[in-house]
Amino acid sequence: MLWTIFVILLVLWLIGLVSFHAIGAYIHILLVLAIVVLLIQLITGRRRV
């Protein structure tokens, strides 16, 4: 689920970077949050059974 959210935010970030300069800042913030959550998950090493 987290990977799905990460991919969606990454795609939105790329779209915002290319086309919507005004919305791009908000998408950058969401991307940074997604990367932080992803890193926390990787560091803690929790995996579904």
PDB file of N, CA and C in Angstrom:
ATOM      1  N   MET A   1       0.828  -1.195   0.000  1.00  0.00           N
ATOM      2  CA  MET A   1       0.000   0.000   0.000  1.00  0.00           C
ATOM      3  C   MET A   1       0.869   1.254   0.000  1.00  0.00           C
ATOM      4  N   LEU A   2       1.923   1.233   0.815  1.00  0.00           N
ATOM      5  CA  LEU A   2       2.797   2.395   0.878  1.00  0.00           C
ATOM      6  C   LEU A   2       3.506   2.612  -0.451  1.00  0.00           C
ATOM      7  N   TRP A   3       3.888   1.525  -1.109  1.00  0.00           N
ATOM      8  CA  TRP A   3       4.538   1.643  -2.415  1.00  0.00           C
ATOM      9  C   TRP A   3       3.579   2.247  -3.445  1.00  0.00           C
ATOM     10  N   THR A   4       2.312   1.897  -3.360  1.00  0.00           N
ATOM     11  CA  THR A   4       1.317   2.452  -4.278  1.00  0.00           C
ATOM     12  C   THR A   4       1.188   3.958  -4.083  1.00  0.00           C
ATOM     13  N   ILE A   5       1.111   4.383  -2.833  1.00  0.00           N
ATOM     14  CA  ILE A   5       1.018   5.816  -2.536  1.00  0.00           C
ATOM     15  C   ILE A   5       2.274   6.528  -3.016  1.00  0.00           C
ATOM     16  N   PHE A   6       3.428   5.899  -2.790  1.00  0.00           N
ATOM     17  CA  PHE A   6       4.692   6.494  -3.219  1.00  0.00           C
ATOM     18  C   PHE A   6       4.735   6.681  -4.730  1.00  0.00           C
ATOM     19  N   VAL A   7       4.312   5.683  -5.472  1.00  0.00           N
ATOM     20  CA  VAL A   7       4.319   5.764  -6.935  1.00  0.00           C
ATOM     21  C   VAL A   7       3.339   6.819  -7.420  1.00  0.00           C
ATOM     22  N   ILE A   8       2.161   6.873  -6.816  1.00  0.00           N
ATOM     23  CA  ILE A   8       1.166   7.881  -7.214  1.00  0.00           C
ATOM     24  C   ILE A   8       1.704   9.290  -6.967  1.00  0.00           C
ATOM     25  N   LEU A   9       2.316   9.501  -5.797  1.00  0.00           N
ATOM     26  CA  LEU A   9       2.865  10.820  -5.502  1.00  0.00           C
ATOM     27  C   LEU A   9       4.029  11.165  -6.423  1.00  0.00           C
ATOM     28  N   LEU A  10       4.820  10.167  -6.769  1.00  0.00           N
ATOM     29  CA  LEU A  10       5.923  10.405  -7.693  1.00  0.00           C
ATOM     30  C   LEU A  10       5.406  10.829  -9.068  1.00  0.00           C
ATOM     31  N   VAL A  11       4.365  10.164  -9.548  1.00  0.00           N
ATOM     32  CA  VAL A  11       3.777  10.525 -10.835  1.00  0.00           C
ATOM     33  C   VAL A  11       3.165  11.923 -10.774  1.00  0.00           C
ATOM     34  N   LEU A  12       2.451  12.227  -9.695  1.00  0.00           N
ATOM     35  CA  LEU A  12       1.870  13.567  -9.550  1.00  0.00           C
ATOM     36  C   LEU A  12       2.956  14.630  -9.494  1.00  0.00           C
ATOM     37  N   TRP A  13       4.065  14.303  -8.824  1.00  0.00           N
ATOM     38  CA  TRP A  13       5.173  15.247  -8.735  1.00  0.00           C
ATOM     39  C   TRP A  13       5.753  15.518 -10.120  1.00  0.00           C
ATOM     40  N   LEU A  14       5.941  14.466 -10.904  1.00  0.00           N
ATOM     41  CA  LEU A  14       6.483  14.648 -12.254  1.00  0.00           C
ATOM     42  C   LEU A  14       5.538  15.462 -13.127  1.00  0.00           C
ATOM     43  N   ILE A  15       4.232  15.210 -13.008  1.00  0.00           N
ATOM     44  CA  ILE A  15       3.258  15.990 -13.772  1.00  0.00           C
ATOM     45  C   ILE A  15       3.299  17.449 -13.337  1.00  0.00           C
ATOM     46  N   GLY A  16       3.351  17.679 -12.039  1.00  0.00           N
ATOM     47  CA  GLY A  16       3.407  19.048 -11.523  1.00  0.00           C
ATOM     48  C   GLY A  16       4.684  19.760 -11.911  1.00  0.00           C
ATOM     49  N   LEU A  17       5.782  19.012 -11.955  1.00  0.00           N
ATOM     50  CA  LEU A  17       7.063  19.605 -12.317  1.00  0.00           C
ATOM     51  C   LEU A  17       7.053  20.061 -13.769  1.00  0.00           C
ATOM     52  N   VAL A  18       6.389  19.299 -14.618  1.00  0.00           N
ATOM     53  CA  VAL A  18       6.379  19.599 -16.048  1.00  0.00           C
ATOM     54  C   VAL A  18       5.327  20.650 -16.406  1.00  0.00           C
ATOM     55  N   SER A  19       4.129  20.556 -15.826  1.00  0.00           N
ATOM     56  CA  SER A  19       3.048  21.391 -16.339  1.00  0.00           C
ATOM     57  C   SER A  19       2.515  22.454 -15.380  1.00  0.00           C
ATOM     58  N   PHE A  20       2.351  22.137 -14.124  1.00  0.00           N
ATOM     59  CA  PHE A  20       1.704  23.073 -13.203  1.00  0.00           C
ATOM     60  C   PHE A  20       2.725  23.650 -12.227  1.00  0.00           C
ATOM     61  N   HIS A  21       3.244  24.813 -12.534  1.00  0.00           N
ATOM     62  CA  HIS A  21       4.261  25.402 -11.668  1.00  0.00           C
ATOM     63  C   HIS A  21       3.656  25.890 -10.353  1.00  0.00           C
ATOM     64  N   ALA A  22       2.424  26.334 -10.348  1.00  0.00           N
ATOM     65  CA  ALA A  22       1.796  26.831  -9.127  1.00  0.00           C
ATOM     66  C   ALA A  22       1.486  25.692  -8.160  1.00  0.00           C
ATOM     67  N   ILE A  23       1.072  24.562  -8.685  1.00  0.00           N
ATOM     68  CA  ILE A  23       0.724  23.417  -7.846  1.00  0.00           C
ATOM     69  C   ILE A  23       1.965  22.596  -7.509  1.00  0.00           C
ATOM     70  N   GLY A  24       3.039  22.819  -8.240  1.00  0.00           N
ATOM     71  CA  GLY A  24       4.254  22.031  -8.073  1.00  0.00           C
ATOM     72  C   GLY A  24       4.817  22.055  -6.664  1.00  0.00           C
ATOM     73  N   ALA A  25       4.714  23.184  -5.982  1.00  0.00           N
ATOM     74  CA  ALA A  25       5.255  23.294  -4.621  1.00  0.00           C
ATOM     75  C   ALA A  25       4.528  22.341  -3.675  1.00  0.00           C
ATOM     76  N   TYR A  26       3.224  22.242  -3.790  1.00  0.00           N
ATOM     77  CA  TYR A  26       2.464  21.347  -2.935  1.00  0.00           C
ATOM     78  C   TYR A  26       2.807  19.888  -3.225  1.00  0.00           C
ATOM     79  N   ILE A  27       2.995  19.573  -4.489  1.00  0.00           N
ATOM     80  CA  ILE A  27       3.341  18.210  -4.866  1.00  0.00           C
ATOM     81  C   ILE A  27       4.748  17.873  -4.380  1.00  0.00           C
ATOM     82  N   HIS A  28       5.658  18.845  -4.379  1.00  0.00           N
ATOM     83  CA  HIS A  28       6.994  18.618  -3.847  1.00  0.00           C
ATOM     84  C   HIS A  28       6.920  18.288  -2.355  1.00  0.00           C
ATOM     85  N   ILE A  29       6.070  18.988  -1.632  1.00  0.00           N
ATOM     86  CA  ILE A  29       5.912  18.718  -0.206  1.00  0.00           C
ATOM     87  C   ILE A  29       5.371  17.310   0.003  1.00  0.00           C
ATOM     88  N   LEU A  30       4.392  16.910  -0.784  1.00  0.00           N
ATOM     89  CA  LEU A  30       3.846  15.559  -0.671  1.00  0.00           C
ATOM     90  C   LEU A  30       4.896  14.511  -1.018  1.00  0.00           C
ATOM     91  N   LEU A  31       5.722  14.785  -2.010  1.00  0.00           N
ATOM     92  CA  LEU A  31       6.775  13.845  -2.385  1.00  0.00           C
ATOM     93  C   LEU A  31       7.790  13.692  -1.260  1.00  0.00           C
ATOM     94  N   VAL A  32       8.173  14.785  -0.640  1.00  0.00           N
ATOM     95  CA  VAL A  32       9.115  14.718   0.474  1.00  0.00           C
ATOM     96  C   VAL A  32       8.518  13.908   1.617  1.00  0.00           C
ATOM     97  N   LEU A  33       7.243  14.110   1.919  1.00  0.00           N
ATOM     98  CA  LEU A  33       6.584  13.320   2.968  1.00  0.00           C
ATOM     99  C   LEU A  33       6.562  11.841   2.614  1.00  0.00           C
ATOM    100  N   ALA A  34       6.301  11.532   1.357  1.00  0.00           N
ATOM    101  CA  ALA A  34       6.274  10.133   0.927  1.00  0.00           C
ATOM    102  C   ALA A  34       7.658   9.495   1.056  1.00  0.00           C
ATOM    103  N   ILE A  35       8.703  10.222   0.718  1.00  0.00           N
ATOM    104  CA  ILE A  35      10.057   9.692   0.834  1.00  0.00           C
ATOM    105  C   ILE A  35      10.428   9.475   2.291  1.00  0.00           C
ATOM    106  N   VAL A  36      10.030  10.393   3.163  1.00  0.00           N
ATOM    107  CA  VAL A  36      10.302  10.233   4.595  1.00  0.00           C
ATOM    108  C   VAL A  36       9.614   8.987   5.133  1.00  0.00           C
ATOM    109  N   VAL A  37       8.357   8.789   4.789  1.00  0.00           N
ATOM    110  CA  VAL A  37       7.624   7.609   5.240  1.00  0.00           C
ATOM    111  C   VAL A  37       8.251   6.342   4.678  1.00  0.00           C
ATOM    112  N   LEU A  38       8.666   6.376   3.435  1.00  0.00           N
ATOM    113  CA  LEU A  38       9.311   5.222   2.819  1.00  0.00           C
ATOM    114  C   LEU A  38      10.623   4.888   3.525  1.00  0.00           C
ATOM    115  N   LEU A  39      11.422   5.897   3.833  1.00  0.00           N
ATOM    116  CA  LEU A  39      12.677   5.664   4.534  1.00  0.00           C
ATOM    117  C   LEU A  39      12.447   5.113   5.931  1.00  0.00           C
ATOM    118  N   ILE A  40      11.440   5.613   6.619  1.00  0.00           N
ATOM    119  CA  ILE A  40      11.116   5.100   7.950  1.00  0.00           C
ATOM    120  C   ILE A  40      10.730   3.633   7.868  1.00  0.00           C
ATOM    121  N   GLN A  41       9.953   3.278   6.853  1.00  0.00           N
ATOM    122  CA  GLN A  41       9.551   1.881   6.689  1.00  0.00           C
ATOM    123  C   GLN A  41      10.753   1.011   6.384  1.00  0.00           C
ATOM    124  N   LEU A  42      11.654   1.466   5.536  1.00  0.00           N
ATOM    125  CA  LEU A  42      12.848   0.689   5.200  1.00  0.00           C
ATOM    126  C   LEU A  42      13.787   0.534   6.397  1.00  0.00           C
ATOM    127  N   ILE A  43      13.915   1.585   7.200  1.00  0.00           N
ATOM    128  CA  ILE A  43      14.809   1.533   8.344  1.00  0.00           C
ATOM    129  C   ILE A  43      14.259   0.621   9.433  1.00  0.00           C
ATOM    130  N   THR A  44      12.965   0.697   9.693  1.00  0.00           N
ATOM    131  CA  THR A  44      12.389  -0.145  10.742  1.00  0.00           C
ATOM    132  C   THR A  44      12.312  -1.608  10.307  1.00  0.00           C
ATOM    133  N   GLY A  45      12.240  -1.847   9.025  1.00  0.00           N
ATOM    134  CA  GLY A  45      12.277  -3.216   8.513  1.00  0.00           C
ATOM    135  C   GLY A  45      11.012  -3.997   8.729  1.00  0.00           C
ATOM    136  N   ARG A  46       9.922  -3.333   8.933  1.00  0.00           N
ATOM    137  CA  ARG A  46       8.650  -4.052   9.108  1.00  0.00           C
ATOM    138  C   ARG A  46       8.200  -4.614   7.769  1.00  0.00           C
ATOM    139  N   ARG A  47       7.826  -5.886   7.793  1.00  0.00           N
ATOM    140  CA  ARG A  47       7.330  -6.509   6.568  1.00  0.00           C
ATOM    141  C   ARG A  47       6.066  -7.291   6.895  1.00  0.00           C
ATOM    142  N   ARG A  48       5.152  -7.277   5.913  1.00  0.00           N
ATOM    143  CA  ARG A  48       3.924  -8.035   6.110  1.00  0.00           C
ATOM    144  C   ARG A  48       4.208  -9.516   5.984  1.00  0.00           C
ATOM    145  N   VAL A  49       3.497 -10.293   6.775  1.00  0.00           N
ATOM    146  CA  VAL A  49       3.693 -11.749   6.761  1.00  0.00           C
ATOM    147  C   VAL A  49       2.745 -12.372   5.771  1.00  0.00           C
TER     148      VAL A  49
END
